[in-house]
Amino acid sequence: AATTRAPSRSVAVLPFANVSGDPANEPFADGLTDELIGALGRVAALKVAPRTSTFALKGKGLGVRTVAESLGVATALEGSVRRAGDRLRITVALVSAAENRVLWSETYDRQLEDVFAIQQDIARSVVGALQVTLAASPAGRPAPPATADLAAYELFLKGQFFRNQQTGDALRRATGFFEQAIARDPGYARAHAGLADARTLLALFGDRPPRAEFPQARAAATTALRLDSTLAEAHGVLAHIAMVYDWDWAAADRGFERAIALDPTWTTARVWRAISLLNRRRFDEAVAVLEQARAADPLSAPVQLTLGRLYVSARQPDRAIPYLRGALELNPRLSLAHQQLGHAHLQQGVPTEARAAFERAAALGSVRDSAQLAYAYAVTGRRGDAESIVRTLLASAERRYLPPFGLAVAYVGLGDTDAAFRWLDRGHAERAAYMDGVAITPALAPLHADPRWGGLLGRLGLSAER
């Protein structure tokens, strides 16, 4: 429960219920929620709970007071969407949490094409009900629609829906929907930014070759900024690419700072910024950024996961584990959280628990997680199982991309330093995913005394200091 009184001009937009009876309308209902969070988030005098925390409560059946206390807000906007063909029925209510009193409500029976006007009306009504004074600057007002093409808008919402799942298959579907949205409306800046983000995440989580995704992601983000230079998502994705693909730390810093300035409520940019600091061993600064993000977005699984990763990197497993378990309570399918939990248990010296966590990560994740499982088996006395996994992965090289970073970690576990460096050198040459984090990966510690280590870090723009 909150220990301080929530500001009166604060709101959580709860995920709108899809009461259409058709799961295919779920992206539309989620998208309406997202659009309202974004529109209200632009109102400078209004505190709006971030998306990740509000969606963490989706389907939990909690009362408004409980939700508001969890998110540190005074009011909640809740609603439902019924869609039948081109007809919409949207019911919405703004509720005071302390008094459980409806401050404003409305039912909209409209044509689907009126959805943009409905969003604007809801945002204006919430602002009016909370007696918020709008800033004179357009940046302090709800945003106008980003596209006038309803079909492009729906395709964009489907892209966002699958992007948020962050699995390889879902991200591939997301890229397809974003591309279709762009084909309908080439001037749709947010669709270009969404495509850039999805392609970047495909390279990170979908075991896609980096040169197949990152250049296209950069081009899409650049197009988005040409269309709308104030789009925080595009600045953030370009900064993310600068970090994970270019290893241009100064450009990443500038991009993240710009994205956060444009949209202080966007938690993802703060998480990426913290990872950039962590990768350069600026632990205290990374903790400060993450704690600020956690205060604003208390139910964000990525924030909890990244705090866990930070403390694993700092070899403080007892501090890492509560955050990692918290992330998994919010999203049990986060393979990276299971993987990091395995590393924390290894640091604690509890191999059975460690193996179980790595096995869960491998079951949920990708080739990267299988390679990490090989490492875990190798360092806990199951060398034969580790070698079997590595052989299987190598045998599959002709039909799928093998992520070098994971294979390097596996070979460290097997004690083959030369093979580990060969894969790290390949990772550098390919600009592979996760190479930006080699300096703070505890599993690679046995390589630190090797003369090749300093040269590798130098090529990544990282310091060899420990």
Protein backbone atom coordinates (compact mmCIF):
# COMPACT_ATOMS: atom_id res chain seq x y z
CA ALA A 1 0.00 0.00 0.00
CA ALA A 2 1.10 3.55 -0.57
CA THR A 3 2.61 5.31 2.41
CA THR A 4 2.05 8.84 1.09
CA ARG A 5 -1.07 10.54 -0.15
CA ALA A 6 -1.44 10.39 -3.93
CA PRO A 7 -1.64 13.73 -5.71
CA SER A 8 -5.25 14.65 -6.45
CA ARG A 9 -4.51 15.28 -10.12
CA SER A 10 -3.34 11.76 -10.85
CA VAL A 11 -4.88 8.90 -12.77
CA ALA A 12 -4.34 5.31 -13.81
CA VAL A 13 -5.91 4.28 -17.10
CA LEU A 14 -6.86 0.66 -16.46
CA PRO A 15 -6.86 -1.79 -19.38
CA PHE A 16 -10.22 -1.51 -21.09
CA ALA A 17 -12.18 -4.75 -21.04
CA ASN A 18 -12.88 -6.36 -24.40
CA VAL A 19 -16.53 -7.38 -24.06
CA SER A 20 -17.00 -8.14 -27.75
CA GLY A 21 -16.74 -11.88 -27.24
CA ASP A 22 -13.98 -12.05 -29.86
CA PRO A 23 -10.33 -12.31 -28.72
CA ALA A 24 -9.31 -10.75 -32.05
CA ASN A 25 -10.54 -7.43 -30.64
CA GLU A 26 -8.11 -7.57 -27.70
CA PRO A 27 -5.43 -5.50 -29.49
CA PHE A 28 -8.04 -2.81 -30.16
CA ALA A 29 -9.09 -2.65 -26.49
CA ASP A 30 -5.46 -2.62 -25.32
CA GLY A 31 -4.63 -0.03 -27.96
CA LEU A 32 -7.39 2.28 -26.80
CA THR A 33 -5.93 2.05 -23.30
CA ASP A 34 -2.44 2.82 -24.62
CA GLU A 35 -3.66 5.79 -26.62
CA LEU A 36 -5.40 7.30 -23.60
CA ILE A 37 -2.31 6.79 -21.42
CA GLY A 38 -0.27 8.57 -24.08
CA ALA A 39 -2.75 11.40 -24.56
CA LEU A 40 -3.13 12.07 -20.83
CA GLY A 41 0.60 11.66 -20.27
CA ARG A 42 1.20 14.75 -22.40
CA VAL A 43 -0.73 16.92 -19.93
CA ALA A 44 2.02 18.49 -17.87
CA ALA A 45 -0.02 19.06 -14.70
CA LEU A 46 -1.37 15.49 -14.57
CA LYS A 47 0.40 12.44 -13.12
CA VAL A 48 -0.43 9.34 -15.19
CA ALA A 49 0.52 5.80 -14.14
CA PRO A 50 2.76 4.20 -16.80
CA ARG A 51 1.54 1.45 -19.07
CA THR A 52 3.64 -1.40 -17.69
CA SER A 53 2.29 -1.04 -14.18
CA THR A 54 -1.34 -0.69 -15.22
CA PHE A 55 -1.19 -3.67 -17.57
CA ALA A 56 0.48 -5.74 -14.82
CA LEU A 57 -2.90 -5.60 -13.05
CA LYS A 58 -4.90 -6.68 -16.10
CA GLY A 59 -7.29 -9.50 -15.30
CA LYS A 60 -6.51 -9.48 -11.58
CA GLY A 61 -10.04 -8.42 -10.57
CA LEU A 62 -8.78 -5.83 -8.09
CA GLY A 63 -10.93 -3.00 -6.77
CA VAL A 64 -10.28 0.60 -7.74
CA ARG A 65 -8.95 1.52 -4.27
CA THR A 66 -6.43 -1.33 -4.31
CA VAL A 67 -5.29 -0.49 -7.82
CA ALA A 68 -4.93 3.20 -7.01
CA GLU A 69 -2.92 2.49 -3.87
CA SER A 70 -0.64 0.12 -5.80
CA LEU A 71 0.02 2.73 -8.47
CA GLY A 72 0.12 5.82 -6.26
CA VAL A 73 -2.77 7.66 -7.93
CA ALA A 74 -5.98 9.24 -6.68
CA THR A 75 -8.28 8.24 -9.54
CA ALA A 76 -8.74 5.42 -12.01
CA LEU A 77 -10.21 5.48 -15.49
CA GLU A 78 -11.89 2.18 -16.31
CA GLY A 79 -13.96 1.11 -19.25
CA SER A 80 -15.06 -1.51 -21.74
CA VAL A 81 -15.14 -1.85 -25.50
CA ARG A 82 -17.74 -3.73 -27.51
CA ARG A 83 -17.14 -3.94 -31.21
CA ALA A 84 -19.54 -5.37 -33.77
CA GLY A 85 -18.52 -4.83 -37.37
CA ASP A 86 -18.04 -1.10 -37.82
CA ARG A 87 -20.00 -0.21 -34.68
CA LEU A 88 -18.39 0.67 -31.35
CA ARG A 89 -19.80 0.89 -27.86
CA ILE A 90 -17.32 2.33 -25.38
CA THR A 91 -18.29 2.75 -21.74
CA VAL A 92 -15.92 4.69 -19.53
CA ALA A 93 -15.86 6.03 -15.96
CA LEU A 94 -13.43 8.10 -13.92
CA VAL A 95 -13.56 6.95 -10.29
CA SER A 96 -12.17 8.57 -7.15
CA ALA A 97 -10.32 5.84 -5.26
CA ALA A 98 -10.66 7.32 -1.78
CA GLU A 99 -14.42 7.81 -2.02
CA ASN A 100 -15.20 5.12 -4.60
CA ARG A 101 -17.21 7.84 -6.33
CA VAL A 102 -17.73 8.30 -10.05
CA LEU A 103 -16.40 11.71 -11.04
CA TRP A 104 -17.39 11.41 -14.67
CA SER A 105 -18.80 8.72 -16.95
CA GLU A 106 -19.94 8.38 -20.52
CA THR A 107 -21.14 5.81 -23.03
CA TYR A 108 -20.25 6.25 -26.68
CA ASP A 109 -22.30 4.48 -29.36
CA ARG A 110 -20.48 5.40 -32.54
CA GLN A 111 -19.07 4.24 -35.83
CA LEU A 112 -15.57 2.74 -35.75
CA GLU A 113 -14.30 5.71 -37.76
CA ASP A 114 -15.14 7.95 -34.79
CA VAL A 115 -12.58 6.27 -32.49
CA PHE A 116 -10.09 9.17 -32.77
CA ALA A 117 -12.73 11.70 -31.76
CA ILE A 118 -13.80 9.46 -28.86
CA GLN A 119 -10.23 9.28 -27.57
CA GLN A 120 -9.90 13.05 -27.70
CA ASP A 121 -13.22 13.53 -25.93
CA ILE A 122 -12.33 11.08 -23.15
CA ALA A 123 -8.97 12.77 -22.59
CA ARG A 124 -10.52 16.24 -22.48
CA SER A 125 -13.25 15.05 -20.11
CA VAL A 126 -10.78 13.48 -17.70
CA VAL A 127 -8.70 16.65 -17.69
CA GLY A 128 -11.85 18.69 -17.02
CA ALA A 129 -13.11 16.40 -14.26
CA LEU A 130 -9.76 16.63 -12.47
CA GLN A 131 -9.73 20.41 -12.93
CA VAL A 132 -6.34 20.35 -14.59
CA THR A 133 -5.23 23.55 -16.25
CA LEU A 134 -3.86 22.85 -19.71
CA ALA A 135 -0.53 24.42 -20.59
CA ALA A 136 -0.44 26.98 -23.36
CA SER A 137 2.17 24.88 -25.18
CA PRO A 138 0.88 22.09 -27.44
CA ALA A 139 3.25 19.73 -25.59
CA GLY A 140 1.06 20.10 -22.52
CA ARG A 141 -2.15 19.05 -24.26
CA PRO A 142 -3.54 15.69 -25.42
CA ALA A 143 -1.98 14.78 -28.76
CA PRO A 144 -3.96 14.83 -32.00
CA PRO A 145 -4.39 11.53 -33.89
CA ALA A 146 -1.13 10.26 -35.39
CA THR A 147 -2.89 9.02 -38.54
CA ALA A 148 -6.19 9.67 -40.22
CA ASP A 149 -6.25 6.19 -41.74
CA LEU A 150 -8.36 3.91 -39.55
CA ALA A 151 -7.03 0.71 -41.14
CA ALA A 152 -3.43 1.85 -40.58
CA TYR A 153 -4.29 2.66 -36.97
CA GLU A 154 -5.72 -0.82 -36.37
CA LEU A 155 -2.67 -2.45 -37.94
CA PHE A 156 -0.45 -0.32 -35.70
CA LEU A 157 -2.40 -1.45 -32.61
CA LYS A 158 -1.93 -5.09 -33.61
CA GLY A 159 1.79 -4.43 -34.03
CA GLN A 160 1.99 -2.92 -30.56
CA PHE A 161 0.02 -5.82 -29.09
CA PHE A 162 2.50 -8.40 -30.39
CA ARG A 163 5.57 -6.21 -29.77
CA ASN A 164 4.71 -6.11 -26.08
CA GLN A 165 4.88 -9.92 -25.86
CA GLN A 166 8.62 -9.81 -26.76
CA THR A 167 8.95 -13.39 -28.02
CA GLY A 168 10.53 -14.19 -31.36
CA ASP A 169 7.28 -15.32 -32.99
CA ALA A 170 5.31 -12.36 -31.61
CA LEU A 171 7.95 -9.87 -32.73
CA ARG A 172 7.90 -11.29 -36.25
CA ARG A 173 4.14 -10.81 -36.32
CA ALA A 174 4.60 -7.27 -34.96
CA THR A 175 6.98 -6.31 -37.78
CA GLY A 176 4.44 -7.55 -40.32
CA PHE A 177 1.64 -5.44 -38.85
CA PHE A 178 3.82 -2.33 -38.62
CA GLU A 179 4.89 -2.77 -42.24
CA GLN A 180 1.25 -3.08 -43.31
CA ALA A 181 0.40 0.09 -41.36
CA ILE A 182 3.21 1.95 -43.12
CA ALA A 183 2.03 0.67 -46.50
CA ARG A 184 -1.39 2.17 -45.75
CA ASP A 185 0.03 5.46 -44.44
CA PRO A 186 3.73 6.09 -45.23
CA GLY A 187 3.57 9.27 -43.13
CA TYR A 188 2.62 7.40 -39.93
CA ALA A 189 5.65 8.21 -37.76
CA ARG A 190 4.65 6.00 -34.84
CA ALA A 191 4.34 2.98 -37.13
CA HIS A 192 7.89 3.57 -38.39
CA ALA A 193 9.10 3.85 -34.77
CA GLY A 194 7.22 0.68 -33.84
CA LEU A 195 8.84 -1.18 -36.74
CA ALA A 196 12.28 0.04 -35.65
CA ASP A 197 11.67 -1.13 -32.09
CA ALA A 198 10.33 -4.54 -33.14
CA ARG A 199 13.28 -5.19 -35.45
CA THR A 200 15.74 -4.21 -32.72
CA LEU A 201 14.06 -6.56 -30.26
CA LEU A 202 14.03 -9.35 -32.87
CA ALA A 203 17.81 -9.19 -33.01
CA LEU A 204 18.00 -9.29 -29.22
CA PHE A 205 15.31 -11.84 -28.33
CA GLY A 206 14.53 -13.62 -31.59
CA ASP A 207 18.01 -14.94 -32.48
CA ARG A 208 18.03 -13.02 -35.74
CA PRO A 209 21.32 -12.06 -37.45
CA PRO A 210 22.17 -8.53 -36.33
CA ARG A 211 22.94 -7.27 -39.83
CA ALA A 212 19.53 -8.49 -40.97
CA GLU A 213 17.67 -6.35 -38.43
CA PHE A 214 19.62 -3.42 -37.00
CA PRO A 215 20.25 -1.48 -40.26
CA GLN A 216 16.56 -1.75 -41.16
CA ALA A 217 15.63 -0.74 -37.62
CA ARG A 218 17.87 2.33 -37.87
CA ALA A 219 16.35 3.31 -41.21
CA ALA A 220 12.82 3.02 -39.81
CA ALA A 221 13.64 5.09 -36.73
CA THR A 222 15.34 7.74 -38.87
CA THR A 223 12.24 7.94 -41.06
CA ALA A 224 10.08 8.31 -37.96
CA LEU A 225 12.15 11.27 -36.79
CA ARG A 226 12.05 12.87 -40.23
CA LEU A 227 8.26 12.72 -39.96
CA ASP A 228 8.10 13.79 -36.31
CA SER A 229 11.27 15.08 -34.63
CA THR A 230 9.52 15.11 -31.23
CA LEU A 231 8.74 11.38 -31.16
CA ALA A 232 10.36 10.00 -28.00
CA GLU A 233 10.09 6.37 -29.15
CA ALA A 234 12.18 7.05 -32.26
CA HIS A 235 14.91 8.85 -30.29
CA GLY A 236 14.92 6.00 -27.76
CA VAL A 237 15.20 3.24 -30.37
CA LEU A 238 18.07 5.02 -32.13
CA ALA A 239 19.84 5.32 -28.78
CA HIS A 240 19.18 1.65 -28.11
CA ILE A 241 20.77 0.76 -31.46
CA ALA A 242 23.73 3.02 -30.67
CA MET A 243 24.25 1.03 -27.46
CA VAL A 244 23.72 -2.57 -28.55
CA TYR A 245 24.93 -2.43 -32.18
CA ASP A 246 27.23 0.57 -32.61
CA TRP A 247 28.73 0.57 -29.10
CA ASP A 248 28.64 4.35 -29.43
CA TRP A 249 28.12 5.17 -25.79
CA ALA A 250 28.08 8.96 -26.19
CA ALA A 251 25.39 8.78 -28.87
CA ALA A 252 23.39 6.41 -26.69
CA ASP A 253 23.61 8.82 -23.74
CA ARG A 254 22.40 11.73 -25.86
CA GLY A 255 19.55 9.74 -27.37
CA PHE A 256 18.26 8.36 -24.10
CA GLU A 257 18.38 11.79 -22.47
CA ARG A 258 16.44 13.27 -25.38
CA ALA A 259 13.82 10.50 -25.27
CA ILE A 260 13.32 10.89 -21.52
CA ALA A 261 13.05 14.68 -21.85
CA LEU A 262 10.38 14.29 -24.53
CA ASP A 263 8.41 11.67 -22.57
CA PRO A 264 9.34 11.45 -18.87
CA THR A 265 6.66 8.76 -18.36
CA TRP A 266 8.26 6.30 -20.82
CA THR A 267 9.83 3.73 -18.51
CA THR A 268 11.52 1.75 -21.28
CA ALA A 269 13.90 4.60 -22.09
CA ARG A 270 14.98 4.75 -18.44
CA VAL A 271 15.58 0.98 -18.39
CA TRP A 272 17.72 1.17 -21.53
CA ARG A 273 19.59 4.15 -20.07
CA ALA A 274 20.30 2.17 -16.90
CA ILE A 275 21.59 -0.81 -18.92
CA SER A 276 23.92 1.53 -20.80
CA LEU A 277 25.32 2.80 -17.49
CA LEU A 278 25.55 -0.73 -16.10
CA ASN A 279 27.50 -1.94 -19.13
CA ARG A 280 30.14 0.69 -18.32
CA ARG A 281 30.20 -0.31 -14.62
CA ARG A 282 28.55 2.93 -13.53
CA PHE A 283 26.56 0.96 -10.97
CA ASP A 284 25.50 3.76 -8.65
CA GLU A 285 24.18 5.86 -11.53
CA ALA A 286 22.33 2.87 -12.96
CA VAL A 287 20.71 2.14 -9.59
CA ALA A 288 19.60 5.78 -9.29
CA VAL A 289 17.94 5.67 -12.74
CA LEU A 290 16.21 2.37 -11.97
CA GLU A 291 14.99 3.44 -8.55
CA GLN A 292 13.53 6.57 -10.11
CA ALA A 293 11.81 4.38 -12.71
CA ARG A 294 10.54 2.00 -10.03
CA ALA A 295 9.05 4.85 -8.03
CA ALA A 296 7.10 6.03 -11.08
CA ASP A 297 6.31 2.54 -12.44
CA PRO A 298 6.18 0.21 -9.42
CA LEU A 299 4.79 -2.83 -11.23
CA SER A 300 7.16 -2.79 -14.21
CA ALA A 301 8.67 -6.24 -14.76
CA PRO A 302 11.53 -4.82 -16.92
CA VAL A 303 12.56 -2.48 -14.10
CA GLN A 304 12.61 -5.33 -11.59
CA LEU A 305 14.49 -7.56 -14.03
CA THR A 306 17.12 -4.92 -14.72
CA LEU A 307 17.67 -4.27 -11.02
CA GLY A 308 18.16 -8.03 -10.63
CA ARG A 309 20.64 -8.09 -13.51
CA LEU A 310 22.53 -5.20 -11.97
CA TYR A 311 23.00 -6.99 -8.65
CA VAL A 312 23.94 -10.25 -10.38
CA SER A 313 26.59 -8.28 -12.27
CA ALA A 314 27.77 -6.80 -8.96
CA ARG A 315 27.90 -10.32 -7.45
CA GLN A 316 25.27 -9.52 -4.86
CA PRO A 317 22.87 -12.45 -5.37
CA ASP A 318 20.95 -11.92 -2.15
CA ARG A 319 19.95 -8.48 -3.38
CA ALA A 320 19.32 -9.68 -6.93
CA ILE A 321 16.96 -12.56 -6.18
CA PRO A 322 14.02 -10.59 -4.71
CA TYR A 323 13.96 -8.33 -7.78
CA LEU A 324 14.17 -11.27 -10.18
CA ARG A 325 11.41 -13.10 -8.39
CA GLY A 326 9.36 -9.91 -8.41
CA ALA A 327 9.81 -9.65 -12.17
CA LEU A 328 8.68 -13.25 -12.59
CA GLU A 329 5.61 -12.69 -10.44
CA LEU A 330 4.65 -9.92 -12.85
CA ASN A 331 5.59 -11.91 -15.96
CA PRO A 332 6.37 -15.63 -15.44
CA ARG A 333 7.46 -15.99 -19.08
CA LEU A 334 10.47 -13.66 -18.88
CA SER A 335 13.19 -16.09 -19.93
CA LEU A 336 15.95 -13.57 -19.14
CA ALA A 337 14.69 -13.26 -15.55
CA HIS A 338 14.84 -17.06 -15.13
CA GLN A 339 18.34 -17.05 -16.64
CA GLN A 340 19.57 -14.29 -14.32
CA LEU A 341 17.98 -16.07 -11.37
CA GLY A 342 20.06 -19.11 -12.34
CA HIS A 343 23.25 -17.03 -12.27
CA ALA A 344 22.29 -15.63 -8.86
CA HIS A 345 21.80 -19.15 -7.49
CA LEU A 346 25.18 -20.16 -8.92
CA GLN A 347 26.74 -17.27 -7.03
CA GLN A 348 25.01 -18.52 -3.89
CA GLY A 349 26.39 -22.00 -4.42
CA VAL A 350 23.02 -23.76 -4.80
CA PRO A 351 23.40 -25.72 -8.07
CA THR A 352 20.06 -27.54 -7.99
CA GLU A 353 18.08 -24.31 -7.86
CA ALA A 354 20.40 -22.77 -10.46
CA ARG A 355 19.90 -25.60 -12.95
CA ALA A 356 16.13 -25.46 -12.48
CA ALA A 357 16.10 -21.74 -13.31
CA PHE A 358 18.29 -22.19 -16.41
CA GLU A 359 16.13 -25.10 -17.58
CA ARG A 360 13.03 -22.95 -17.26
CA ALA A 361 14.72 -20.18 -19.26
CA ALA A 362 15.70 -22.64 -22.00
CA ALA A 363 12.15 -24.02 -22.17
CA LEU A 364 10.73 -20.50 -22.59
CA GLY A 365 13.45 -18.83 -24.59
CA SER A 366 15.72 -19.31 -27.56
CA VAL A 367 19.15 -20.54 -28.62
CA ARG A 368 20.70 -17.96 -26.31
CA ASP A 369 19.03 -19.57 -23.31
CA SER A 370 20.02 -23.08 -24.40
CA ALA A 371 23.65 -21.96 -24.56
CA GLN A 372 23.34 -20.52 -21.07
CA LEU A 373 21.93 -23.84 -19.87
CA ALA A 374 25.03 -25.55 -21.29
CA TYR A 375 27.14 -23.17 -19.18
CA ALA A 376 25.12 -24.00 -16.06
CA TYR A 377 25.47 -27.74 -16.63
CA ALA A 378 29.21 -27.39 -17.25
CA VAL A 379 29.92 -25.48 -14.01
CA THR A 380 27.72 -27.75 -11.85
CA GLY A 381 29.26 -31.09 -12.76
CA ARG A 382 27.16 -32.15 -15.74
CA ARG A 383 29.80 -31.70 -18.42
CA GLY A 384 28.37 -34.41 -20.67
CA ASP A 385 24.99 -32.68 -20.81
CA ALA A 386 26.70 -29.36 -21.52
CA GLU A 387 28.72 -30.81 -24.38
CA SER A 388 25.61 -32.43 -25.81
CA ILE A 389 23.76 -29.10 -25.92
CA VAL A 390 26.71 -27.37 -27.59
CA ARG A 391 27.01 -30.13 -30.20
CA THR A 392 23.30 -29.87 -30.96
CA LEU A 393 23.53 -26.10 -31.35
CA LEU A 394 26.56 -26.27 -33.63
CA ALA A 395 24.88 -28.93 -35.77
CA SER A 396 21.95 -26.55 -36.35
CA ALA A 397 24.11 -23.71 -37.69
CA GLU A 398 23.04 -24.22 -41.29
CA ARG A 399 19.35 -23.67 -40.54
CA ARG A 400 19.45 -20.95 -37.88
CA TYR A 401 21.57 -18.14 -36.57
CA LEU A 402 23.77 -18.98 -33.58
CA PRO A 403 24.22 -16.04 -31.18
CA PRO A 404 27.97 -15.74 -30.47
CA PHE A 405 27.65 -14.31 -26.97
CA GLY A 406 25.77 -17.35 -25.63
CA LEU A 407 28.18 -19.81 -27.23
CA ALA A 408 31.11 -17.91 -25.72
CA VAL A 409 29.56 -18.23 -22.26
CA ALA A 410 29.01 -21.97 -22.81
CA TYR A 411 32.64 -22.48 -23.76
CA VAL A 412 33.81 -20.57 -20.67
CA GLY A 413 31.79 -23.04 -18.61
CA LEU A 414 33.52 -25.91 -20.43
CA GLY A 415 36.91 -24.35 -19.73
CA ASP A 416 37.76 -23.82 -23.41
CA THR A 417 39.18 -20.29 -23.37
CA ASP A 418 40.29 -20.29 -27.00
CA ALA A 419 36.83 -21.31 -28.23
CA ALA A 420 35.25 -18.67 -25.99
CA PHE A 421 37.43 -15.94 -27.51
CA ARG A 422 36.72 -17.20 -31.03
CA TRP A 423 33.01 -16.75 -30.41
CA LEU A 424 33.52 -13.36 -28.77
CA ASP A 425 35.63 -12.23 -31.73
CA ARG A 426 32.86 -13.45 -34.02
CA GLY A 427 30.37 -11.53 -31.90
CA HIS A 428 32.44 -8.40 -32.34
CA ALA A 429 32.73 -8.90 -36.09
CA GLU A 430 28.97 -9.48 -36.43
CA ARG A 431 28.04 -6.75 -33.94
CA ALA A 432 26.05 -9.42 -32.17
CA ALA A 433 23.43 -9.00 -29.46
CA TYR A 434 24.62 -8.76 -25.85
CA MET A 435 28.22 -7.96 -26.77
CA ASP A 436 27.62 -4.55 -25.19
CA GLY A 437 27.40 -6.30 -21.80
CA VAL A 438 30.57 -8.42 -21.84
CA ALA A 439 32.41 -6.25 -19.29
CA ILE A 440 29.84 -6.88 -16.56
CA THR A 441 28.99 -10.55 -17.24
CA PRO A 442 30.20 -12.59 -14.24
CA ALA A 443 30.31 -15.82 -16.27
CA LEU A 444 33.11 -14.33 -18.38
CA ALA A 445 35.31 -13.56 -15.35
CA PRO A 446 37.73 -16.46 -16.10
CA LEU A 447 38.72 -14.60 -19.28
CA HIS A 448 39.74 -11.38 -17.54
CA ALA A 449 43.35 -12.41 -16.95
CA ASP A 450 43.89 -13.35 -20.59
CA PRO A 451 45.81 -10.77 -22.66
CA ARG A 452 43.06 -10.88 -25.29
CA TRP A 453 40.45 -9.55 -22.87
CA GLY A 454 41.63 -5.94 -22.78
CA GLY A 455 41.81 -5.78 -26.56
CA LEU A 456 38.24 -7.04 -26.88
CA LEU A 457 36.92 -4.44 -24.45
CA GLY A 458 38.83 -1.71 -26.24
CA ARG A 459 37.19 -2.63 -29.54
CA LEU A 460 33.81 -2.34 -27.81
CA GLY A 461 34.64 1.11 -26.45
CA LEU A 462 34.73 -0.26 -22.90
CA SER A 463 37.35 0.12 -20.20
CA ALA A 464 39.38 -2.87 -18.98
CA GLU A 465 39.33 -1.52 -15.43
CA ARG A 466 37.76 -3.82 -12.87
